[in-house]
C-alpha atoms as a PDB file:
ATOM      1  CA  MET A   1     -10.883   4.641 -31.659  1.00  0.00           C
ATOM      2  CA  SER A   2     -11.526   1.426 -33.555  1.00  0.00           C
ATOM      3  CA  LEU A   3     -10.180  -1.933 -32.444  1.00  0.00           C
ATOM      4  CA  HIS A   4      -7.787  -1.928 -35.409  1.00  0.00           C
ATOM      5  CA  ASP A   5      -6.455   1.509 -34.429  1.00  0.00           C
ATOM      6  CA  ALA A   6      -6.046   0.363 -30.831  1.00  0.00           C
ATOM      7  CA  MET A   7      -4.074  -2.683 -31.927  1.00  0.00           C
ATOM      8  CA  ASN A   8      -1.758  -0.447 -33.942  1.00  0.00           C
ATOM      9  CA  SER A   9      -1.223   1.950 -31.028  1.00  0.00           C
ATOM     10  CA  ASN A  10      -0.812  -0.119 -27.863  1.00  0.00           C
ATOM     11  CA  VAL A  11       0.387   2.896 -25.876  1.00  0.00           C
ATOM     12  CA  ASP A  12      -2.879   4.804 -26.381  1.00  0.00           C
ATOM     13  CA  SER A  13      -5.252   1.889 -26.030  1.00  0.00           C
ATOM     14  CA  SER A  14      -7.200   1.075 -22.933  1.00  0.00           C
ATOM     15  CA  ASP A  15      -6.793  -2.194 -21.106  1.00  0.00           C
ATOM     16  CA  PHE A  16     -10.324  -3.160 -22.094  1.00  0.00           C
ATOM     17  CA  THR A  17      -9.635  -2.600 -25.792  1.00  0.00           C
ATOM     18  CA  LEU A  18      -6.486  -4.714 -25.662  1.00  0.00           C
ATOM     19  CA  LEU A  19      -8.239  -7.537 -23.835  1.00  0.00           C
ATOM     20  CA  GLU A  20     -11.245  -7.383 -26.169  1.00  0.00           C
ATOM     21  CA  GLY A  21      -8.970  -7.589 -29.199  1.00  0.00           C
ATOM     22  CA  LEU A  22      -7.064 -10.518 -27.726  1.00  0.00           C
ATOM     23  CA  TYR A  23     -10.328 -12.273 -26.883  1.00  0.00           C
ATOM     24  CA  GLN A  24     -11.803 -11.757 -30.354  1.00  0.00           C
ATOM     25  CA  LEU A  25      -8.690 -13.111 -32.045  1.00  0.00           C
ATOM     26  CA  ALA A  26      -8.701 -16.164 -29.750  1.00  0.00           C
ATOM     27  CA  VAL A  27     -12.414 -16.832 -30.293  1.00  0.00           C
ATOM     28  CA  ASN A  28     -11.934 -16.655 -34.052  1.00  0.00           C
ATOM     29  CA  GLY A  29      -8.935 -19.021 -33.903  1.00  0.00           C
ATOM     30  CA  HIS A  30      -6.326 -16.466 -34.957  1.00  0.00           C
ATOM     31  CA  THR A  31      -3.843 -17.282 -32.203  1.00  0.00           C
ATOM     32  CA  ASN A  32      -0.960 -17.837 -34.632  1.00  0.00           C
ATOM     33  CA  ASP A  33      -1.300 -14.411 -36.253  1.00  0.00           C
ATOM     34  CA  TRP A  34       1.068 -11.521 -35.628  1.00  0.00           C
ATOM     35  CA  GLU A  35      -1.807  -9.395 -34.255  1.00  0.00           C
ATOM     36  CA  PHE A  36      -2.453 -11.958 -31.523  1.00  0.00           C
ATOM     37  CA  GLU A  37       1.232 -12.120 -30.600  1.00  0.00           C
ATOM     38  CA  ARG A  38       1.451  -8.337 -30.437  1.00  0.00           C
ATOM     39  CA  LEU A  39      -1.672  -7.951 -28.283  1.00  0.00           C
ATOM     40  CA  ASN A  40      -0.656 -10.869 -26.082  1.00  0.00           C
ATOM     41  CA  LYS A  41       2.705  -9.243 -25.435  1.00  0.00           C
ATOM     42  CA  ALA A  42       1.119  -5.855 -24.689  1.00  0.00           C
ATOM     43  CA  VAL A  43      -1.367  -7.376 -22.236  1.00  0.00           C
ATOM     44  CA  TYR A  44       1.360  -9.449 -20.563  1.00  0.00           C
ATOM     45  CA  GLU A  45       3.627  -6.409 -20.169  1.00  0.00           C
ATOM     46  CA  ARG A  46       0.794  -4.402 -18.603  1.00  0.00           C
ATOM     47  CA  LEU A  47       0.012  -7.231 -16.201  1.00  0.00           C
ATOM     48  CA  LEU A  48       3.678  -7.500 -15.223  1.00  0.00           C
ATOM     49  CA  SER A  49       3.937  -3.768 -14.654  1.00  0.00           C
ATOM     50  CA  SER A  50       0.814  -3.851 -12.487  1.00  0.00           C
ATOM     51  CA  TYR A  51       1.298  -7.112 -10.599  1.00  0.00           C
ATOM     52  CA  GLY A  52       4.955  -8.081 -11.033  1.00  0.00           C
ATOM     53  CA  ASN A  53       6.006  -6.535  -7.720  1.00  0.00           C
ATOM     54  CA  VAL A  54       3.115  -8.173  -5.870  1.00  0.00           C
ATOM     55  CA  ARG A  55       4.382 -11.631  -6.746  1.00  0.00           C
ATOM     56  CA  SER A  56       7.937 -10.747  -5.722  1.00  0.00           C
ATOM     57  CA  ALA A  57       6.718  -9.449  -2.371  1.00  0.00           C
ATOM     58  CA  GLY A  58       4.595 -12.578  -1.885  1.00  0.00           C
ATOM     59  CA  ASN A  59       7.568 -14.833  -2.563  1.00  0.00           C
ATOM     60  CA  ALA A  60       9.691 -12.906  -0.074  1.00  0.00           C
ATOM     61  CA  HIS A  61       7.147 -13.639   2.645  1.00  0.00           C
ATOM     62  CA  GLY A  62       6.571 -17.258   1.629  1.00  0.00           C
ATOM     63  CA  LEU A  63       2.999 -16.577   0.535  1.00  0.00           C
ATOM     64  CA  MET A  64       3.265 -17.828  -3.034  1.00  0.00           C
ATOM     65  CA  SER A  65       4.898 -20.877  -4.511  1.00  0.00           C
END
């Protein structure tokens, strides 16, 4: 799967491919493009789904600010 294909199919793309695409767009200064916004949102949603409950649990125990 090419990077372009991965960007068009966020459901089937690996975390590495999404992060690599986001990184390449940032390095090349394309942070205002729709591709960057789409990848940024996909990466953020995956992070929330993986770590969102950890933060909530930490706040309940006074471990995080």
